[in-house]
Amino acid sequence: MTVYKLTDDFEDDCEFTLIAIHSAVEDYRMAFLLNKYLGLGFKKVTPVEMDDNHVFQRFEWLDEKNDTYWSLIQNSAIKKEEVSKSAFMLFEEWGGEQTIYLLPEHKKVDFFIKIEIAESYLDVPSIVQKIQQIPNIVTTYKLATNRIKTRTNLIF
């Protein structure tokens, strides 16, 4: 039987820039604000599912003019856990909420923008500055993609 092994070489082929956004707005509202203020065209696509039905909402846009692929994705997914209901209970009880993060090392980040293009062709400081000017955005900054431990979670 042949055994295949993933190496770190595959990561070098895919160049992308990652921008972190801190904001309390809903995912659809964030996509709308980015479309409005940056002139992007994010549209909702199939969400990313991680273990045990945690769903991360995702928006994408293919900029054909600049041959750039943009993705907006939530960093956290919340799953409500239900306690089994017995015959004697009057109300349903919830066991609590379980939160899972797309990038666990950045738990305070609410959204990520993944831009798939070589960074040399992209004016990242200008994009970050424009995002910072949007109302309801607390802060935004570029992340160093080579320091992300769970980089494989960004393959979607």
Protein backbone atom coordinates (compact mmCIF):
# COMPACT_ATOMS: atom_id res chain seq x y z
CA MET A 1 0.00 0.00 0.00
CA THR A 2 1.32 3.44 -0.92
CA VAL A 3 1.52 6.02 1.83
CA TYR A 4 1.22 9.71 0.94
CA LYS A 5 2.50 12.43 3.21
CA LEU A 6 1.83 16.17 3.10
CA THR A 7 4.93 18.27 3.38
CA ASP A 8 5.35 21.97 4.02
CA ASP A 9 6.24 22.50 0.35
CA PHE A 10 2.59 22.84 -0.65
CA GLU A 11 2.26 26.00 1.44
CA ASP A 12 4.95 27.84 -0.52
CA ASP A 13 3.02 27.44 -3.77
CA CYS A 14 -0.04 29.29 -2.49
CA GLU A 15 0.77 32.92 -1.81
CA PHE A 16 -1.82 34.83 0.13
CA THR A 17 -2.20 37.80 2.42
CA LEU A 18 -4.23 37.57 5.61
CA ILE A 19 -5.90 40.60 7.20
CA ALA A 20 -7.44 40.35 10.68
CA ILE A 21 -10.56 42.37 11.55
CA HIS A 22 -11.94 43.06 15.04
CA SER A 23 -15.61 44.02 14.93
CA ALA A 24 -18.88 43.09 16.62
CA VAL A 25 -21.03 43.22 13.46
CA GLU A 26 -22.68 40.16 11.94
CA ASP A 27 -21.02 38.35 9.04
CA TYR A 28 -23.46 39.53 6.35
CA ARG A 29 -23.14 43.11 7.59
CA MET A 30 -19.32 42.92 7.44
CA ALA A 31 -19.50 41.71 3.83
CA PHE A 32 -21.88 44.56 2.99
CA LEU A 33 -19.63 47.18 4.61
CA LEU A 34 -16.53 45.90 2.83
CA ASN A 35 -18.41 45.89 -0.48
CA LYS A 36 -19.65 49.42 0.10
CA TYR A 37 -16.47 51.11 1.35
CA LEU A 38 -13.82 49.18 -0.61
CA GLY A 39 -15.76 48.55 -3.81
CA LEU A 40 -15.52 44.78 -3.46
CA GLY A 41 -18.09 42.19 -4.52
CA PHE A 42 -18.32 39.65 -1.70
CA LYS A 43 -21.09 37.07 -2.11
CA LYS A 44 -22.08 34.36 0.35
CA VAL A 45 -20.92 30.87 -0.58
CA THR A 46 -21.01 27.43 1.01
CA PRO A 47 -19.75 27.72 4.59
CA VAL A 48 -16.68 25.88 5.85
CA GLU A 49 -17.58 22.97 8.15
CA MET A 50 -15.12 21.85 10.80
CA ASP A 51 -15.37 18.94 13.21
CA ASP A 52 -18.72 18.15 14.80
CA ASN A 53 -20.84 20.52 12.69
CA HIS A 54 -19.16 23.82 13.52
CA VAL A 55 -19.91 26.12 10.58
CA PHE A 56 -17.85 29.16 9.60
CA GLN A 57 -19.73 31.56 7.32
CA ARG A 58 -17.76 32.52 4.22
CA PHE A 59 -18.00 35.16 1.50
CA GLU A 60 -15.95 35.20 -1.69
CA TRP A 61 -15.16 37.48 -4.60
CA LEU A 62 -13.09 36.85 -7.71
CA ASP A 63 -11.59 40.09 -9.01
CA GLU A 64 -11.13 39.10 -12.64
CA LYS A 65 -9.58 42.45 -13.56
CA ASN A 66 -6.64 41.97 -11.16
CA ASP A 67 -6.76 38.15 -11.10
CA THR A 68 -7.24 38.20 -7.32
CA TYR A 69 -9.34 35.87 -5.18
CA TRP A 70 -10.76 37.38 -1.95
CA SER A 71 -12.33 35.44 0.94
CA LEU A 72 -14.01 36.80 4.06
CA ILE A 73 -14.50 34.23 6.81
CA GLN A 74 -15.60 34.23 10.43
CA ASN A 75 -13.03 33.17 12.99
CA SER A 76 -15.46 31.67 15.49
CA ALA A 77 -18.35 29.25 15.33
CA ILE A 78 -20.69 28.61 18.24
CA LYS A 79 -22.58 25.39 18.75
CA LYS A 80 -25.32 25.18 21.37
CA GLU A 81 -25.35 21.88 23.19
CA GLU A 82 -28.73 20.54 24.23
CA VAL A 83 -29.17 18.46 27.37
CA SER A 84 -31.35 15.40 26.99
CA LYS A 85 -34.93 16.13 27.89
CA SER A 86 -36.60 13.90 30.45
CA ALA A 87 -40.33 13.31 30.78
CA PHE A 88 -40.49 15.30 34.01
CA MET A 89 -38.88 18.51 32.75
CA LEU A 90 -41.20 21.37 31.97
CA PHE A 91 -38.71 23.40 29.89
CA GLU A 92 -35.89 22.41 27.58
CA GLU A 93 -32.47 22.93 29.09
CA TRP A 94 -29.35 23.98 27.23
CA GLY A 95 -26.05 22.42 28.17
CA GLY A 96 -24.18 25.54 27.16
CA GLU A 97 -22.27 26.80 24.18
CA GLN A 98 -19.09 25.49 22.66
CA THR A 99 -16.94 27.89 20.63
CA ILE A 100 -14.36 26.71 18.14
CA TYR A 101 -11.95 29.00 16.26
CA LEU A 102 -10.69 28.78 12.71
CA LEU A 103 -7.30 30.04 13.91
CA PRO A 104 -7.14 29.25 17.65
CA GLU A 105 -3.98 31.30 18.16
CA HIS A 106 -5.98 34.43 17.21
CA LYS A 107 -9.11 33.99 19.37
CA LYS A 108 -9.83 37.71 19.65
CA VAL A 109 -10.06 38.22 15.87
CA ASP A 110 -13.62 38.23 14.53
CA PHE A 111 -13.01 37.99 10.77
CA PHE A 112 -10.22 37.24 8.35
CA ILE A 113 -9.80 38.47 4.80
CA LYS A 114 -7.68 36.09 2.77
CA ILE A 115 -6.39 37.59 -0.47
CA GLU A 116 -4.81 35.07 -2.82
CA ILE A 117 -2.17 36.97 -4.76
CA ALA A 118 1.51 37.69 -4.36
CA GLU A 119 1.92 40.47 -1.80
CA SER A 120 4.20 42.43 -4.10
CA TYR A 121 1.19 43.09 -6.37
CA LEU A 122 -1.02 44.30 -3.54
CA ASP A 123 -1.04 47.56 -1.58
CA VAL A 124 -1.82 46.01 1.83
CA PRO A 125 -1.28 49.17 3.96
CA SER A 126 -3.80 51.04 1.81
CA ILE A 127 -6.37 48.25 2.15
CA VAL A 128 -5.88 48.07 5.92
CA GLN A 129 -6.24 51.86 6.19
CA LYS A 130 -9.48 51.83 4.18
CA ILE A 131 -10.92 49.02 6.32
CA GLN A 132 -9.97 50.94 9.47
CA GLN A 133 -12.09 53.90 8.28
CA ILE A 134 -15.27 51.78 8.11
CA PRO A 135 -17.75 52.44 10.95
CA ASN A 136 -18.08 49.60 13.50
CA ILE A 137 -14.55 48.31 12.83
CA VAL A 138 -12.52 48.35 16.05
CA THR A 139 -9.15 47.56 14.47
CA THR A 140 -7.57 45.76 11.54
CA TYR A 141 -4.06 44.64 10.69
CA LYS A 142 -2.06 42.31 8.46
CA LEU A 143 -1.02 38.96 9.92
CA ALA A 144 2.28 37.26 9.18
CA THR A 145 1.13 34.09 7.42
CA ASN A 146 4.40 32.25 8.05
CA ARG A 147 3.81 32.40 11.84
CA ILE A 148 0.33 30.86 11.82
CA LYS A 149 0.37 27.41 13.41
CA THR A 150 -2.96 26.19 12.01
CA ARG A 151 -2.34 27.36 8.47
CA THR A 152 -4.04 24.27 7.03
CA ASN A 153 -7.39 25.60 8.33
CA LEU A 154 -7.13 28.33 5.70
CA ILE A 155 -7.29 25.87 2.82
CA PHE A 156 -10.86 26.07 1.53
